[in-house]
Amino acid sequence: MALNKVEICGVDTGRLPRMNHQKSMELLERIKKGDAAAREEFITGNLRLVLSVIQRFSGRGEQPDDLFQVGCIGLIKALDNFDTSHNVRFS
């Protein structure tokens, strides 16, 4: 099942934005300063990451919507725990 061009949880996955490293670092700096809009943009920009992970689990009996929801929660938790001082990419 190709999950990259379907609607999962009301999200048209074919229209998800792409996030480059420079933009990601800029948003992370704004998030550290408490910018809620940057946080939302960062999460939205990394939904493709969630999609790539759930593709590995397709065909194992789990519904894509359920996996997407759990993946989004994991993305938010990872963002909350991410430390920019380690000079690593968020991926």
PDB file of N, CA and C in Angstrom:
ATOM      1  N   MET A   1       0.848  -1.180   0.000  1.00  0.00           N
ATOM      2  CA  MET A   1       0.000   0.000   0.000  1.00  0.00           C
ATOM      3  C   MET A   1       0.892   1.241   0.000  1.00  0.00           C
ATOM      4  N   ALA A   2       0.763   2.075  -0.990  1.00  0.00           N
ATOM      5  CA  ALA A   2       1.543   3.315  -1.058  1.00  0.00           C
ATOM      6  C   ALA A   2       0.870   4.369  -0.194  1.00  0.00           C
ATOM      7  N   LEU A   3       1.530   4.748   0.875  1.00  0.00           N
ATOM      8  CA  LEU A   3       0.938   5.684   1.824  1.00  0.00           C
ATOM      9  C   LEU A   3       1.325   7.124   1.547  1.00  0.00           C
ATOM     10  N   ASN A   4       2.129   7.363   0.526  1.00  0.00           N
ATOM     11  CA  ASN A   4       2.616   8.719   0.308  1.00  0.00           C
ATOM     12  C   ASN A   4       1.648   9.601  -0.455  1.00  0.00           C
ATOM     13  N   LYS A   5       0.547   9.074  -0.953  1.00  0.00           N
ATOM     14  CA  LYS A   5      -0.403   9.898  -1.696  1.00  0.00           C
ATOM     15  C   LYS A   5      -1.837   9.582  -1.288  1.00  0.00           C
ATOM     16  N   VAL A   6      -2.052   9.391  -0.010  1.00  0.00           N
ATOM     17  CA  VAL A   6      -3.388   9.112   0.500  1.00  0.00           C
ATOM     18  C   VAL A   6      -3.714  10.099   1.604  1.00  0.00           C
ATOM     19  N   GLU A   7      -4.940  10.046   2.051  1.00  0.00           N
ATOM     20  CA  GLU A   7      -5.338  10.885   3.174  1.00  0.00           C
ATOM     21  C   GLU A   7      -5.319  10.036   4.432  1.00  0.00           C
ATOM     22  N   ILE A   8      -4.522  10.456   5.391  1.00  0.00           N
ATOM     23  CA  ILE A   8      -4.420   9.759   6.670  1.00  0.00           C
ATOM     24  C   ILE A   8      -4.805  10.752   7.749  1.00  0.00           C
ATOM     25  N   CYS A   9      -5.787  10.397   8.546  1.00  0.00           N
ATOM     26  CA  CYS A   9      -6.251  11.266   9.644  1.00  0.00           C
ATOM     27  C   CYS A   9      -6.597  12.661   9.144  1.00  0.00           C
ATOM     28  N   GLY A  10      -7.152  12.767   7.960  1.00  0.00           N
ATOM     29  CA  GLY A  10      -7.533  14.066   7.423  1.00  0.00           C
ATOM     30  C   GLY A  10      -6.386  14.853   6.826  1.00  0.00           C
ATOM     31  N   VAL A  11      -5.194  14.268   6.744  1.00  0.00           N
ATOM     32  CA  VAL A  11      -4.028  14.946   6.180  1.00  0.00           C
ATOM     33  C   VAL A  11      -3.771  14.379   4.794  1.00  0.00           C
ATOM     34  N   ASP A  12      -3.780  15.242   3.790  1.00  0.00           N
ATOM     35  CA  ASP A  12      -3.448  14.819   2.431  1.00  0.00           C
ATOM     36  C   ASP A  12      -1.931  14.685   2.370  1.00  0.00           C
ATOM     37  N   THR A  13      -1.458  13.458   2.459  1.00  0.00           N
ATOM     38  CA  THR A  13      -0.020  13.227   2.576  1.00  0.00           C
ATOM     39  C   THR A  13       0.752  13.638   1.332  1.00  0.00           C
ATOM     40  N   GLY A  14       0.081  13.747   0.210  1.00  0.00           N
ATOM     41  CA  GLY A  14       0.753  14.197  -1.005  1.00  0.00           C
ATOM     42  C   GLY A  14       1.089  15.675  -0.979  1.00  0.00           C
ATOM     43  N   ARG A  15       0.494  16.415  -0.059  1.00  0.00           N
ATOM     44  CA  ARG A  15       0.716  17.867   0.024  1.00  0.00           C
ATOM     45  C   ARG A  15       1.535  18.282   1.247  1.00  0.00           C
ATOM     46  N   LEU A  16       2.130  17.326   1.903  1.00  0.00           N
ATOM     47  CA  LEU A  16       2.937  17.661   3.073  1.00  0.00           C
ATOM     48  C   LEU A  16       4.160  18.463   2.644  1.00  0.00           C
ATOM     49  N   PRO A  17       4.492  19.516   3.388  1.00  0.00           N
ATOM     50  CA  PRO A  17       5.657  20.333   3.021  1.00  0.00           C
ATOM     51  C   PRO A  17       6.958  19.585   3.285  1.00  0.00           C
ATOM     52  N   ARG A  18       8.003  20.004   2.604  1.00  0.00           N
ATOM     53  CA  ARG A  18       9.337  19.441   2.824  1.00  0.00           C
ATOM     54  C   ARG A  18      10.122  20.388   3.720  1.00  0.00           C
ATOM     55  N   MET A  19      10.949  19.812   4.567  1.00  0.00           N
ATOM     56  CA  MET A  19      11.728  20.603   5.512  1.00  0.00           C
ATOM     57  C   MET A  19      13.208  20.383   5.219  1.00  0.00           C
ATOM     58  N   ASN A  20      13.926  21.471   4.894  1.00  0.00           N
ATOM     59  CA  ASN A  20      15.367  21.330   4.698  1.00  0.00           C
ATOM     60  C   ASN A  20      16.090  21.597   6.020  1.00  0.00           C
ATOM     61  N   HIS A  21      17.365  21.245   6.064  1.00  0.00           N
ATOM     62  CA  HIS A  21      18.133  21.342   7.313  1.00  0.00           C
ATOM     63  C   HIS A  21      18.223  22.781   7.816  1.00  0.00           C
ATOM     64  N   GLN A  22      18.452  23.714   6.920  1.00  0.00           N
ATOM     65  CA  GLN A  22      18.589  25.117   7.325  1.00  0.00           C
ATOM     66  C   GLN A  22      17.299  25.624   7.970  1.00  0.00           C
ATOM     67  N   LYS A  23      16.169  25.347   7.336  1.00  0.00           N
ATOM     68  CA  LYS A  23      14.878  25.772   7.878  1.00  0.00           C
ATOM     69  C   LYS A  23      14.612  25.084   9.220  1.00  0.00           C
ATOM     70  N   SER A  24      14.962  23.817   9.296  1.00  0.00           N
ATOM     71  CA  SER A  24      14.779  23.061  10.525  1.00  0.00           C
ATOM     72  C   SER A  24      15.554  23.693  11.682  1.00  0.00           C
ATOM     73  N   MET A  25      16.803  24.050  11.446  1.00  0.00           N
ATOM     74  CA  MET A  25      17.625  24.660  12.492  1.00  0.00           C
ATOM     75  C   MET A  25      17.078  26.030  12.902  1.00  0.00           C
ATOM     76  N   GLU A  26      16.611  26.785  11.918  1.00  0.00           N
ATOM     77  CA  GLU A  26      16.015  28.097  12.206  1.00  0.00           C
ATOM     78  C   GLU A  26      14.786  27.944  13.103  1.00  0.00           C
ATOM     79  N   LEU A  27      13.934  26.989  12.756  1.00  0.00           N
ATOM     80  CA  LEU A  27      12.726  26.759  13.553  1.00  0.00           C
ATOM     81  C   LEU A  27      13.069  26.259  14.953  1.00  0.00           C
ATOM     82  N   LEU A  28      14.069  25.395  15.062  1.00  0.00           N
ATOM     83  CA  LEU A  28      14.467  24.893  16.376  1.00  0.00           C
ATOM     84  C   LEU A  28      14.946  26.022  17.284  1.00  0.00           C
ATOM     85  N   GLU A  29      15.666  26.974  16.718  1.00  0.00           N
ATOM     86  CA  GLU A  29      16.115  28.125  17.514  1.00  0.00           C
ATOM     87  C   GLU A  29      14.925  28.956  17.993  1.00  0.00           C
ATOM     88  N   ARG A  30      13.944  29.157  17.107  1.00  0.00           N
ATOM     89  CA  ARG A  30      12.745  29.905  17.489  1.00  0.00           C
ATOM     90  C   ARG A  30      11.932  29.148  18.534  1.00  0.00           C
ATOM     91  N   ILE A  31      11.894  27.824  18.410  1.00  0.00           N
ATOM     92  CA  ILE A  31      11.164  26.998  19.375  1.00  0.00           C
ATOM     93  C   ILE A  31      11.802  27.119  20.754  1.00  0.00           C
ATOM     94  N   LYS A  32      13.141  27.137  20.804  1.00  0.00           N
ATOM     95  CA  LYS A  32      13.847  27.292  22.085  1.00  0.00           C
ATOM     96  C   LYS A  32      13.459  28.586  22.780  1.00  0.00           C
ATOM     97  N   LYS A  33      13.076  29.592  21.991  1.00  0.00           N
ATOM     98  CA  LYS A  33      12.685  30.886  22.550  1.00  0.00           C
ATOM     99  C   LYS A  33      11.191  30.941  22.877  1.00  0.00           C
ATOM    100  N   GLY A  34      10.477  29.829  22.650  1.00  0.00           N
ATOM    101  CA  GLY A  34       9.068  29.765  23.012  1.00  0.00           C
ATOM    102  C   GLY A  34       8.091  30.113  21.905  1.00  0.00           C
ATOM    103  N   ASP A  35       8.531  30.113  20.660  1.00  0.00           N
ATOM    104  CA  ASP A  35       7.678  30.472  19.526  1.00  0.00           C
ATOM    105  C   ASP A  35       6.751  29.307  19.162  1.00  0.00           C
ATOM    106  N   ALA A  36       5.471  29.430  19.505  1.00  0.00           N
ATOM    107  CA  ALA A  36       4.489  28.369  19.255  1.00  0.00           C
ATOM    108  C   ALA A  36       4.239  28.161  17.767  1.00  0.00           C
ATOM    109  N   ALA A  37       4.270  29.230  16.978  1.00  0.00           N
ATOM    110  CA  ALA A  37       4.061  29.107  15.531  1.00  0.00           C
ATOM    111  C   ALA A  37       5.200  28.316  14.894  1.00  0.00           C
ATOM    112  N   ALA A  38       6.420  28.532  15.363  1.00  0.00           N
ATOM    113  CA  ALA A  38       7.574  27.787  14.850  1.00  0.00           C
ATOM    114  C   ALA A  38       7.444  26.307  15.205  1.00  0.00           C
ATOM    115  N   ARG A  39       6.948  26.035  16.395  1.00  0.00           N
ATOM    116  CA  ARG A  39       6.747  24.643  16.826  1.00  0.00           C
ATOM    117  C   ARG A  39       5.752  23.939  15.917  1.00  0.00           C
ATOM    118  N   GLU A  40       4.647  24.602  15.637  1.00  0.00           N
ATOM    119  CA  GLU A  40       3.630  24.017  14.757  1.00  0.00           C
ATOM    120  C   GLU A  40       4.183  23.803  13.353  1.00  0.00           C
ATOM    121  N   GLU A  41       4.922  24.781  12.841  1.00  0.00           N
ATOM    122  CA  GLU A  41       5.510  24.661  11.505  1.00  0.00           C
ATOM    123  C   GLU A  41       6.527  23.519  11.459  1.00  0.00           C
ATOM    124  N   PHE A  42       7.306  23.371  12.516  1.00  0.00           N
ATOM    125  CA  PHE A  42       8.299  22.301  12.580  1.00  0.00           C
ATOM    126  C   PHE A  42       7.613  20.936  12.573  1.00  0.00           C
ATOM    127  N   ILE A  43       6.578  20.789  13.372  1.00  0.00           N
ATOM    128  CA  ILE A  43       5.853  19.516  13.432  1.00  0.00           C
ATOM    129  C   ILE A  43       5.234  19.202  12.077  1.00  0.00           C
ATOM    130  N   THR A  44       4.574  20.179  11.476  1.00  0.00           N
ATOM    131  CA  THR A  44       3.972  19.978  10.157  1.00  0.00           C
ATOM    132  C   THR A  44       5.035  19.629   9.126  1.00  0.00           C
ATOM    133  N   GLY A  45       6.172  20.291   9.203  1.00  0.00           N
ATOM    134  CA  GLY A  45       7.254  20.047   8.256  1.00  0.00           C
ATOM    135  C   GLY A  45       7.908  18.693   8.402  1.00  0.00           C
ATOM    136  N   ASN A  46       7.702  18.030   9.525  1.00  0.00           N
ATOM    137  CA  ASN A  46       8.305  16.719   9.748  1.00  0.00           C
ATOM    138  C   ASN A  46       7.301  15.572   9.693  1.00  0.00           C
ATOM    139  N   LEU A  47       6.101  15.840   9.213  1.00  0.00           N
ATOM    140  CA  LEU A  47       5.118  14.762   9.083  1.00  0.00           C
ATOM    141  C   LEU A  47       5.544  13.741   8.034  1.00  0.00           C
ATOM    142  N   ARG A  48       6.366  14.160   7.081  1.00  0.00           N
ATOM    143  CA  ARG A  48       6.901  13.197   6.110  1.00  0.00           C
ATOM    144  C   ARG A  48       7.782  12.161   6.806  1.00  0.00           C
ATOM    145  N   LEU A  49       8.460  12.572   7.858  1.00  0.00           N
ATOM    146  CA  LEU A  49       9.265  11.640   8.650  1.00  0.00           C
ATOM    147  C   LEU A  49       8.355  10.579   9.271  1.00  0.00           C
ATOM    148  N   VAL A  50       7.248  11.013   9.832  1.00  0.00           N
ATOM    149  CA  VAL A  50       6.277  10.078  10.402  1.00  0.00           C
ATOM    150  C   VAL A  50       5.783   9.129   9.318  1.00  0.00           C
ATOM    151  N   LEU A  51       5.476   9.669   8.165  1.00  0.00           N
ATOM    152  CA  LEU A  51       4.983   8.859   7.053  1.00  0.00           C
ATOM    153  C   LEU A  51       6.006   7.809   6.645  1.00  0.00           C
ATOM    154  N   SER A  52       7.275   8.186   6.578  1.00  0.00           N
ATOM    155  CA  SER A  52       8.301   7.223   6.168  1.00  0.00           C
ATOM    156  C   SER A  52       8.437   6.089   7.183  1.00  0.00           C
ATOM    157  N   VAL A  53       8.240   6.396   8.455  1.00  0.00           N
ATOM    158  CA  VAL A  53       8.326   5.357   9.478  1.00  0.00           C
ATOM    159  C   VAL A  53       7.120   4.426   9.404  1.00  0.00           C
ATOM    160  N   ILE A  54       5.925   4.962   9.237  1.00  0.00           N
ATOM    161  CA  ILE A  54       4.741   4.086   9.234  1.00  0.00           C
ATOM    162  C   ILE A  54       4.681   3.217   7.988  1.00  0.00           C
ATOM    163  N   GLN A  55       5.344   3.617   6.918  1.00  0.00           N
ATOM    164  CA  GLN A  55       5.373   2.770   5.725  1.00  0.00           C
ATOM    165  C   GLN A  55       6.037   1.433   6.026  1.00  0.00           C
ATOM    166  N   ARG A  56       6.969   1.421   6.950  1.00  0.00           N
ATOM    167  CA  ARG A  56       7.650   0.175   7.323  1.00  0.00           C
ATOM    168  C   ARG A  56       6.719  -0.794   8.035  1.00  0.00           C
ATOM    169  N   PHE A  57       5.636  -0.282   8.602  1.00  0.00           N
ATOM    170  CA  PHE A  57       4.728  -1.116   9.376  1.00  0.00           C
ATOM    171  C   PHE A  57       3.458  -1.488   8.609  1.00  0.00           C
ATOM    172  N   SER A  58       3.339  -1.064   7.362  1.00  0.00           N
ATOM    173  CA  SER A  58       2.136  -1.399   6.596  1.00  0.00           C
ATOM    174  C   SER A  58       2.100  -2.905   6.348  1.00  0.00           C
ATOM    175  N   GLY A  59       0.916  -3.453   6.365  1.00  0.00           N
ATOM    176  CA  GLY A  59       0.746  -4.876   6.129  1.00  0.00           C
ATOM    177  C   GLY A  59       0.945  -5.740   7.368  1.00  0.00           C
ATOM    178  N   ARG A  60       1.059  -5.130   8.523  1.00  0.00           N
ATOM    179  CA  ARG A  60       1.240  -5.895   9.763  1.00  0.00           C
ATOM    180  C   ARG A  60      -0.020  -5.881  10.623  1.00  0.00           C
ATOM    181  N   GLY A  61      -1.129  -5.492  10.035  1.00  0.00           N
ATOM    182  CA  GLY A  61      -2.391  -5.518  10.756  1.00  0.00           C
ATOM    183  C   GLY A  61      -2.792  -4.210  11.400  1.00  0.00           C
ATOM    184  N   GLU A  62      -1.916  -3.231  11.401  1.00  0.00           N
ATOM    185  CA  GLU A  62      -2.246  -1.934  11.993  1.00  0.00           C
ATOM    186  C   GLU A  62      -2.831  -1.014  10.926  1.00  0.00           C
ATOM    187  N   GLN A  63      -3.770  -0.189  11.321  1.00  0.00           N
ATOM    188  CA  GLN A  63      -4.371   0.776  10.410  1.00  0.00           C
ATOM    189  C   GLN A  63      -3.433   1.972  10.235  1.00  0.00           C
ATOM    190  N   PRO A  64      -3.280   2.474   9.003  1.00  0.00           N
ATOM    191  CA  PRO A  64      -2.411   3.635   8.779  1.00  0.00           C
ATOM    192  C   PRO A  64      -2.794   4.842   9.632  1.00  0.00           C
ATOM    193  N   ASP A  65      -4.098   5.076   9.832  1.00  0.00           N
ATOM    194  CA  ASP A  65      -4.535   6.202  10.668  1.00  0.00           C
ATOM    195  C   ASP A  65      -4.003   6.072  12.097  1.00  0.00           C
ATOM    196  N   ASP A  66      -4.074   4.856  12.644  1.00  0.00           N
ATOM    197  CA  ASP A  66      -3.594   4.633  14.009  1.00  0.00           C
ATOM    198  C   ASP A  66      -2.089   4.851  14.097  1.00  0.00           C
ATOM    199  N   LEU A  67      -1.366   4.313  13.126  1.00  0.00           N
ATOM    200  CA  LEU A  67       0.086   4.480  13.112  1.00  0.00           C
ATOM    201  C   LEU A  67       0.471   5.946  12.964  1.00  0.00           C
ATOM    202  N   PHE A  68      -0.279   6.671  12.141  1.00  0.00           N
ATOM    203  CA  PHE A  68       0.013   8.087  11.924  1.00  0.00           C
ATOM    204  C   PHE A  68      -0.192   8.878  13.214  1.00  0.00           C
ATOM    205  N   GLN A  69      -1.265   8.586  13.930  1.00  0.00           N
ATOM    206  CA  GLN A  69      -1.525   9.283  15.191  1.00  0.00           C
ATOM    207  C   GLN A  69      -0.431   9.009  16.214  1.00  0.00           C
ATOM    208  N   VAL A  70      -0.051   7.754  16.343  1.00  0.00           N
ATOM    209  CA  VAL A  70       1.012   7.399  17.283  1.00  0.00           C
ATOM    210  C   VAL A  70       2.329   8.042  16.852  1.00  0.00           C
ATOM    211  N   GLY A  71       2.581   8.056  15.541  1.00  0.00           N
ATOM    212  CA  GLY A  71       3.796   8.684  15.026  1.00  0.00           C
ATOM    213  C   GLY A  71       3.838  10.174  15.303  1.00  0.00           C
ATOM    214  N   CYS A  72       2.706  10.835  15.197  1.00  0.00           N
ATOM    215  CA  CYS A  72       2.642  12.276  15.490  1.00  0.00           C
ATOM    216  C   CYS A  72       2.922  12.548  16.962  1.00  0.00           C
ATOM    217  N   ILE A  73       2.398  11.705  17.823  1.00  0.00           N
ATOM    218  CA  ILE A  73       2.678  11.843  19.256  1.00  0.00           C
ATOM    219  C   ILE A  73       4.170  11.647  19.512  1.00  0.00           C
ATOM    220  N   GLY A  74       4.757  10.650  18.864  1.00  0.00           N
ATOM    221  CA  GLY A  74       6.190  10.415  19.005  1.00  0.00           C
ATOM    222  C   GLY A  74       7.014  11.576  18.494  1.00  0.00           C
ATOM    223  N   LEU A  75       6.579  12.174  17.384  1.00  0.00           N
ATOM    224  CA  LEU A  75       7.266  13.338  16.820  1.00  0.00           C
ATOM    225  C   LEU A  75       7.256  14.494  17.816  1.00  0.00           C
ATOM    226  N   ILE A  76       6.119  14.740  18.426  1.00  0.00           N
ATOM    227  CA  ILE A  76       5.999  15.834  19.398  1.00  0.00           C
ATOM    228  C   ILE A  76       6.880  15.566  20.619  1.00  0.00           C
ATOM    229  N   LYS A  77       6.876  14.331  21.107  1.00  0.00           N
ATOM    230  CA  LYS A  77       7.725  13.989  22.256  1.00  0.00           C
ATOM    231  C   LYS A  77       9.203  14.134  21.899  1.00  0.00           C
ATOM    232  N   ALA A  78       9.576  13.698  20.697  1.00  0.00           N
ATOM    233  CA  ALA A  78      10.970  13.818  20.266  1.00  0.00           C
ATOM    234  C   ALA A  78      11.380  15.278  20.176  1.00  0.00           C
ATOM    235  N   LEU A  79      10.488  16.119  19.669  1.00  0.00           N
ATOM    236  CA  LEU A  79      10.783  17.549  19.586  1.00  0.00           C
ATOM    237  C   LEU A  79      10.964  18.144  20.979  1.00  0.00           C
ATOM    238  N   ASP A  80      10.111  17.758  21.910  1.00  0.00           N
ATOM    239  CA  ASP A  80      10.212  18.268  23.279  1.00  0.00           C
ATOM    240  C   ASP A  80      11.536  17.883  23.937  1.00  0.00           C
ATOM    241  N   ASN A  81      12.083  16.732  23.563  1.00  0.00           N
ATOM    242  CA  ASN A  81      13.318  16.238  24.178  1.00  0.00           C
ATOM    243  C   ASN A  81      14.568  16.533  23.355  1.00  0.00           C
ATOM    244  N   PHE A  82      14.416  17.144  22.185  1.00  0.00           N
ATOM    245  CA  PHE A  82      15.553  17.362  21.294  1.00  0.00           C
ATOM    246  C   PHE A  82      16.460  18.460  21.838  1.00  0.00           C
ATOM    247  N   ASP A  83      17.750  18.192  21.820  1.00  0.00           N
ATOM    248  CA  ASP A  83      18.745  19.139  22.322  1.00  0.00           C
ATOM    249  C   ASP A  83      19.607  19.607  21.155  1.00  0.00           C
ATOM    250  N   THR A  84      19.481  20.867  20.803  1.00  0.00           N
ATOM    251  CA  THR A  84      20.213  21.407  19.648  1.00  0.00           C
ATOM    252  C   THR A  84      21.706  21.537  19.911  1.00  0.00           C
ATOM    253  N   SER A  85      22.135  21.442  21.144  1.00  0.00           N
ATOM    254  CA  SER A  85      23.562  21.610  21.453  1.00  0.00           C
ATOM    255  C   SER A  85      24.413  20.421  21.009  1.00  0.00           C
ATOM    256  N   HIS A  86      23.786  19.319  20.627  1.00  0.00           N
ATOM    257  CA  HIS A  86      24.535  18.134  20.202  1.00  0.00           C
ATOM    258  C   HIS A  86      24.935  18.179  18.728  1.00  0.00           C
ATOM    259  N   ASN A  87      24.513  19.201  18.002  1.00  0.00           N
ATOM    260  CA  ASN A  87      24.848  19.363  16.578  1.00  0.00           C
ATOM    261  C   ASN A  87      24.498  18.133  15.743  1.00  0.00           C
ATOM    262  N   VAL A  88      23.294  17.621  15.923  1.00  0.00           N
ATOM    263  CA  VAL A  88      22.792  16.510  15.118  1.00  0.00           C
ATOM    264  C   VAL A  88      21.493  16.935  14.450  1.00  0.00           C
ATOM    265  N   ARG A  89      21.146  16.243  13.394  1.00  0.00           N
ATOM    266  CA  ARG A  89      19.901  16.534  12.683  1.00  0.00           C
ATOM    267  C   ARG A  89      18.727  15.880  13.393  1.00  0.00           C
ATOM    268  N   PHE A  90      17.594  16.508  13.252  1.00  0.00           N
ATOM    269  CA  PHE A  90      16.350  15.932  13.763  1.00  0.00           C
ATOM    270  C   PHE A  90      15.818  15.028  12.664  1.00  0.00           C
ATOM    271  N   SER A  91      15.926  13.729  12.859  1.00  0.00           N
ATOM    272  CA  SER A  91      15.399  12.791  11.855  1.00  0.00           C
ATOM    273  C   SER A  91      15.198  11.420  12.451  1.00  0.00           C
TER     274      SER A  91
END
